[in-house]
Amino acid sequence: MVSVSRSSIYRWIHAGTFPTPVRIGERGIAFKLSELEKWIESRPRIQLHGTNRENR
């Protein structure tokens, strides 16, 4: 869903600019789909490889 490095995600979580993870077991985390979708929609729209995100 989000094509960025793990270190970027953790940096954004620490900065408070990415949804808070939910613990799923001793070593695992997950994210609420609704929060990820809301975060994605809040991001600036950019053109990638000649296509517009709105057309995806």
PDB file of N, CA and C in Angstrom:
ATOM      1  N   MET A   1       0.802  -1.205   0.000  1.00  0.00           N
ATOM      2  CA  MET A   1       0.000   0.000   0.000  1.00  0.00           C
ATOM      3  C   MET A   1       0.842   1.266   0.000  1.00  0.00           C
ATOM      4  N   VAL A   2       1.921   1.221   0.754  1.00  0.00           N
ATOM      5  CA  VAL A   2       2.803   2.387   0.850  1.00  0.00           C
ATOM      6  C   VAL A   2       4.202   1.937   0.442  1.00  0.00           C
ATOM      7  N   SER A   3       4.683   2.455  -0.654  1.00  0.00           N
ATOM      8  CA  SER A   3       5.984   2.025  -1.186  1.00  0.00           C
ATOM      9  C   SER A   3       7.106   2.946  -0.715  1.00  0.00           C
ATOM     10  N   VAL A   4       7.438   2.823   0.556  1.00  0.00           N
ATOM     11  CA  VAL A   4       8.560   3.568   1.132  1.00  0.00           C
ATOM     12  C   VAL A   4       9.336   2.622   2.036  1.00  0.00           C
ATOM     13  N   SER A   5      10.511   3.025   2.423  1.00  0.00           N
ATOM     14  CA  SER A   5      11.337   2.164   3.270  1.00  0.00           C
ATOM     15  C   SER A   5      10.763   2.060   4.683  1.00  0.00           C
ATOM     16  N   ARG A   6      11.113   0.971   5.325  1.00  0.00           N
ATOM     17  CA  ARG A   6      10.692   0.753   6.711  1.00  0.00           C
ATOM     18  C   ARG A   6      11.217   1.867   7.611  1.00  0.00           C
ATOM     19  N   SER A   7      12.461   2.305   7.355  1.00  0.00           N
ATOM     20  CA  SER A   7      13.044   3.364   8.188  1.00  0.00           C
ATOM     21  C   SER A   7      12.275   4.677   8.029  1.00  0.00           C
ATOM     22  N   SER A   8      11.778   4.957   6.831  1.00  0.00           N
ATOM     23  CA  SER A   8      10.967   6.170   6.624  1.00  0.00           C
ATOM     24  C   SER A   8       9.680   6.092   7.427  1.00  0.00           C
ATOM     25  N   ILE A   9       9.034   4.931   7.392  1.00  0.00           N
ATOM     26  CA  ILE A   9       7.786   4.762   8.146  1.00  0.00           C
ATOM     27  C   ILE A   9       8.034   4.974   9.634  1.00  0.00           C
ATOM     28  N   TYR A  10       9.090   4.357  10.182  1.00  0.00           N
ATOM     29  CA  TYR A  10       9.379   4.523  11.608  1.00  0.00           C
ATOM     30  C   TYR A  10       9.739   5.966  11.949  1.00  0.00           C
ATOM     31  N   ARG A  11      10.441   6.634  11.054  1.00  0.00           N
ATOM     32  CA  ARG A  11      10.776   8.048  11.277  1.00  0.00           C
ATOM     33  C   ARG A  11       9.498   8.883  11.313  1.00  0.00           C
ATOM     34  N   TRP A  12       8.565   8.617  10.398  1.00  0.00           N
ATOM     35  CA  TRP A  12       7.300   9.360  10.356  1.00  0.00           C
ATOM     36  C   TRP A  12       6.431   9.049  11.580  1.00  0.00           C
ATOM     37  N   ILE A  13       6.441   7.791  12.030  1.00  0.00           N
ATOM     38  CA  ILE A  13       5.690   7.435  13.245  1.00  0.00           C
ATOM     39  C   ILE A  13       6.236   8.245  14.418  1.00  0.00           C
ATOM     40  N   HIS A  14       7.557   8.262  14.555  1.00  0.00           N
ATOM     41  CA  HIS A  14       8.207   9.004  15.649  1.00  0.00           C
ATOM     42  C   HIS A  14       7.892  10.501  15.567  1.00  0.00           C
ATOM     43  N   ALA A  15       7.788  11.021  14.353  1.00  0.00           N
ATOM     44  CA  ALA A  15       7.487  12.447  14.158  1.00  0.00           C
ATOM     45  C   ALA A  15       5.996  12.748  14.302  1.00  0.00           C
ATOM     46  N   GLY A  16       5.175  11.698  14.380  1.00  0.00           N
ATOM     47  CA  GLY A  16       3.733  11.901  14.518  1.00  0.00           C
ATOM     48  C   GLY A  16       3.031  12.215  13.212  1.00  0.00           C
ATOM     49  N   THR A  17       3.669  11.885  12.082  1.00  0.00           N
ATOM     50  CA  THR A  17       3.077  12.194  10.779  1.00  0.00           C
ATOM     51  C   THR A  17       2.597  10.953  10.035  1.00  0.00           C
ATOM     52  N   PHE A  18       2.603   9.802  10.700  1.00  0.00           N
ATOM     53  CA  PHE A  18       2.146   8.543  10.106  1.00  0.00           C
ATOM     54  C   PHE A  18       1.258   7.861  11.138  1.00  0.00           C
ATOM     55  N   PRO A  19       0.266   7.082  10.700  1.00  0.00           N
ATOM     56  CA  PRO A  19      -0.616   6.416  11.665  1.00  0.00           C
ATOM     57  C   PRO A  19       0.150   5.576  12.687  1.00  0.00           C
ATOM     58  N   THR A  20      -0.377   5.531  13.883  1.00  0.00           N
ATOM     59  CA  THR A  20       0.225   4.763  14.971  1.00  0.00           C
ATOM     60  C   THR A  20       0.024   3.271  14.726  1.00  0.00           C
ATOM     61  N   PRO A  21       1.081   2.472  14.868  1.00  0.00           N
ATOM     62  CA  PRO A  21       0.936   1.029  14.666  1.00  0.00           C
ATOM     63  C   PRO A  21       0.192   0.369  15.822  1.00  0.00           C
ATOM     64  N   VAL A  22      -0.368  -0.807  15.527  1.00  0.00           N
ATOM     65  CA  VAL A  22      -1.067  -1.619  16.518  1.00  0.00           C
ATOM     66  C   VAL A  22      -0.253  -2.895  16.694  1.00  0.00           C
ATOM     67  N   ARG A  23       0.051  -3.260  17.933  1.00  0.00           N
ATOM     68  CA  ARG A  23       0.819  -4.483  18.201  1.00  0.00           C
ATOM     69  C   ARG A  23      -0.028  -5.709  17.872  1.00  0.00           C
ATOM     70  N   ILE A  24       0.576  -6.652  17.151  1.00  0.00           N
ATOM     71  CA  ILE A  24      -0.085  -7.930  16.879  1.00  0.00           C
ATOM     72  C   ILE A  24       0.886  -9.050  17.247  1.00  0.00           C
ATOM     73  N   GLY A  25       1.007  -9.274  18.511  1.00  0.00           N
ATOM     74  CA  GLY A  25       1.948 -10.278  18.982  1.00  0.00           C
ATOM     75  C   GLY A  25       3.184  -9.624  19.561  1.00  0.00           C
ATOM     76  N   GLU A  26       4.127 -10.469  19.914  1.00  0.00           N
ATOM     77  CA  GLU A  26       5.334  -9.991  20.582  1.00  0.00           C
ATOM     78  C   GLU A  26       6.212  -9.134  19.676  1.00  0.00           C
ATOM     79  N   ARG A  27       6.335  -9.512  18.401  1.00  0.00           N
ATOM     80  CA  ARG A  27       7.257  -8.807  17.514  1.00  0.00           C
ATOM     81  C   ARG A  27       6.588  -8.145  16.316  1.00  0.00           C
ATOM     82  N   GLY A  28       5.296  -8.297  16.161  1.00  0.00           N
ATOM     83  CA  GLY A  28       4.644  -7.771  14.966  1.00  0.00           C
ATOM     84  C   GLY A  28       3.830  -6.515  15.218  1.00  0.00           C
ATOM     85  N   ILE A  29       3.684  -5.727  14.162  1.00  0.00           N
ATOM     86  CA  ILE A  29       2.816  -4.556  14.204  1.00  0.00           C
ATOM     87  C   ILE A  29       1.970  -4.543  12.940  1.00  0.00           C
ATOM     88  N   ALA A  30       0.877  -3.828  13.008  1.00  0.00           N
ATOM     89  CA  ALA A  30      -0.001  -3.639  11.854  1.00  0.00           C
ATOM     90  C   ALA A  30      -0.554  -2.223  11.943  1.00  0.00           C
ATOM     91  N   PHE A  31      -1.265  -1.836  10.908  1.00  0.00           N
ATOM     92  CA  PHE A  31      -1.875  -0.514  10.874  1.00  0.00           C
ATOM     93  C   PHE A  31      -3.344  -0.664  10.528  1.00  0.00           C
ATOM     94  N   LYS A  32      -4.177   0.199  11.088  1.00  0.00           N
ATOM     95  CA  LYS A  32      -5.597   0.187  10.750  1.00  0.00           C
ATOM     96  C   LYS A  32      -5.751   0.680   9.319  1.00  0.00           C
ATOM     97  N   LEU A  33      -6.462  -0.109   8.516  1.00  0.00           N
ATOM     98  CA  LEU A  33      -6.637   0.223   7.109  1.00  0.00           C
ATOM     99  C   LEU A  33      -7.251   1.603   6.939  1.00  0.00           C
ATOM    100  N   SER A  34      -8.255   1.925   7.739  1.00  0.00           N
ATOM    101  CA  SER A  34      -8.920   3.227   7.607  1.00  0.00           C
ATOM    102  C   SER A  34      -7.955   4.380   7.872  1.00  0.00           C
ATOM    103  N   GLU A  35      -7.029   4.201   8.826  1.00  0.00           N
ATOM    104  CA  GLU A  35      -6.049   5.251   9.118  1.00  0.00           C
ATOM    105  C   GLU A  35      -5.025   5.387   7.994  1.00  0.00           C
ATOM    106  N   LEU A  36      -4.612   4.251   7.415  1.00  0.00           N
ATOM    107  CA  LEU A  36      -3.685   4.313   6.279  1.00  0.00           C
ATOM    108  C   LEU A  36      -4.336   4.996   5.081  1.00  0.00           C
ATOM    109  N   GLU A  37      -5.583   4.640   4.796  1.00  0.00           N
ATOM    110  CA  GLU A  37      -6.289   5.257   3.669  1.00  0.00           C
ATOM    111  C   GLU A  37      -6.436   6.761   3.876  1.00  0.00           C
ATOM    112  N   LYS A  38      -6.756   7.160   5.101  1.00  0.00           N
ATOM    113  CA  LYS A  38      -6.881   8.585   5.412  1.00  0.00           C
ATOM    114  C   LYS A  38      -5.535   9.289   5.234  1.00  0.00           C
ATOM    115  N   TRP A  39      -4.446   8.654   5.688  1.00  0.00           N
ATOM    116  CA  TRP A  39      -3.108   9.228   5.536  1.00  0.00           C
ATOM    117  C   TRP A  39      -2.752   9.370   4.057  1.00  0.00           C
ATOM    118  N   ILE A  40      -3.021   8.341   3.265  1.00  0.00           N
ATOM    119  CA  ILE A  40      -2.721   8.379   1.833  1.00  0.00           C
ATOM    120  C   ILE A  40      -3.483   9.512   1.160  1.00  0.00           C
ATOM    121  N   GLU A  41      -4.755   9.663   1.484  1.00  0.00           N
ATOM    122  CA  GLU A  41      -5.570  10.726   0.884  1.00  0.00           C
ATOM    123  C   GLU A  41      -5.094  12.118   1.297  1.00  0.00           C
ATOM    124  N   SER A  42      -4.429  12.212   2.450  1.00  0.00           N
ATOM    125  CA  SER A  42      -3.950  13.517   2.919  1.00  0.00           C
ATOM    126  C   SER A  42      -2.641  13.940   2.244  1.00  0.00           C
ATOM    127  N   ARG A  43      -1.989  13.003   1.577  1.00  0.00           N
ATOM    128  CA  ARG A  43      -0.705  13.280   0.926  1.00  0.00           C
ATOM    129  C   ARG A  43      -0.921  14.091  -0.350  1.00  0.00           C
ATOM    130  N   PRO A  44       0.047  14.927  -0.715  1.00  0.00           N
ATOM    131  CA  PRO A  44      -0.073  15.694  -1.961  1.00  0.00           C
ATOM    132  C   PRO A  44      -0.155  14.763  -3.168  1.00  0.00           C
ATOM    133  N   ARG A  45      -0.965  15.140  -4.109  1.00  0.00           N
ATOM    134  CA  ARG A  45      -1.090  14.362  -5.350  1.00  0.00           C
ATOM    135  C   ARG A  45       0.065  14.729  -6.270  1.00  0.00           C
ATOM    136  N   ILE A  46       0.748  13.723  -6.758  1.00  0.00           N
ATOM    137  CA  ILE A  46       1.861  13.962  -7.678  1.00  0.00           C
ATOM    138  C   ILE A  46       1.692  13.072  -8.904  1.00  0.00           C
ATOM    139  N   GLN A  47       2.372  13.434  -9.958  1.00  0.00           N
ATOM    140  CA  GLN A  47       2.324  12.639 -11.178  1.00  0.00           C
ATOM    141  C   GLN A  47       3.505  11.671 -11.188  1.00  0.00           C
ATOM    142  N   LEU A  48       3.215  10.384 -11.383  1.00  0.00           N
ATOM    143  CA  LEU A  48       4.241   9.351 -11.397  1.00  0.00           C
ATOM    144  C   LEU A  48       4.291   8.686 -12.764  1.00  0.00           C
ATOM    145  N   HIS A  49       5.434   8.677 -13.380  1.00  0.00           N
ATOM    146  CA  HIS A  49       5.641   7.969 -14.646  1.00  0.00           C
ATOM    147  C   HIS A  49       4.571   8.284 -15.678  1.00  0.00           C
ATOM    148  N   GLY A  50       4.180   9.533 -15.765  1.00  0.00           N
ATOM    149  CA  GLY A  50       3.226   9.945 -16.783  1.00  0.00           C
ATOM    150  C   GLY A  50       1.781   9.617 -16.483  1.00  0.00           C
ATOM    151  N   THR A  51       1.474   9.126 -15.276  1.00  0.00           N
ATOM    152  CA  THR A  51       0.081   8.854 -14.914  1.00  0.00           C
ATOM    153  C   THR A  51      -0.281   9.686 -13.702  1.00  0.00           C
ATOM    154  N   ASN A  52      -1.536   9.980 -13.561  1.00  0.00           N
ATOM    155  CA  ASN A  52      -2.033  10.759 -12.436  1.00  0.00           C
ATOM    156  C   ASN A  52      -2.597   9.795 -11.403  1.00  0.00           C
ATOM    157  N   ARG A  53      -2.268   9.982 -10.121  1.00  0.00           N
ATOM    158  CA  ARG A  53      -2.775   9.097  -9.060  1.00  0.00           C
ATOM    159  C   ARG A  53      -4.283   8.996  -9.087  1.00  0.00           C
ATOM    160  N   GLU A  54      -4.976  10.058  -9.468  1.00  0.00           N
ATOM    161  CA  GLU A  54      -6.436  10.033  -9.473  1.00  0.00           C
ATOM    162  C   GLU A  54      -6.974   9.059 -10.510  1.00  0.00           C
ATOM    163  N   ASN A  55      -6.188   8.718 -11.514  1.00  0.00           N
ATOM    164  CA  ASN A  55      -6.630   7.789 -12.548  1.00  0.00           C
ATOM    165  C   ASN A  55      -6.385   6.334 -12.179  1.00  0.00           C
ATOM    166  N   ARG A  56      -5.762   6.085 -11.066  1.00  0.00           N
ATOM    167  CA  ARG A  56      -5.458   4.709 -10.660  1.00  0.00           C
ATOM    168  C   ARG A  56      -6.642   4.042 -10.052  1.00  0.00           C
TER     169      ARG A  56
END
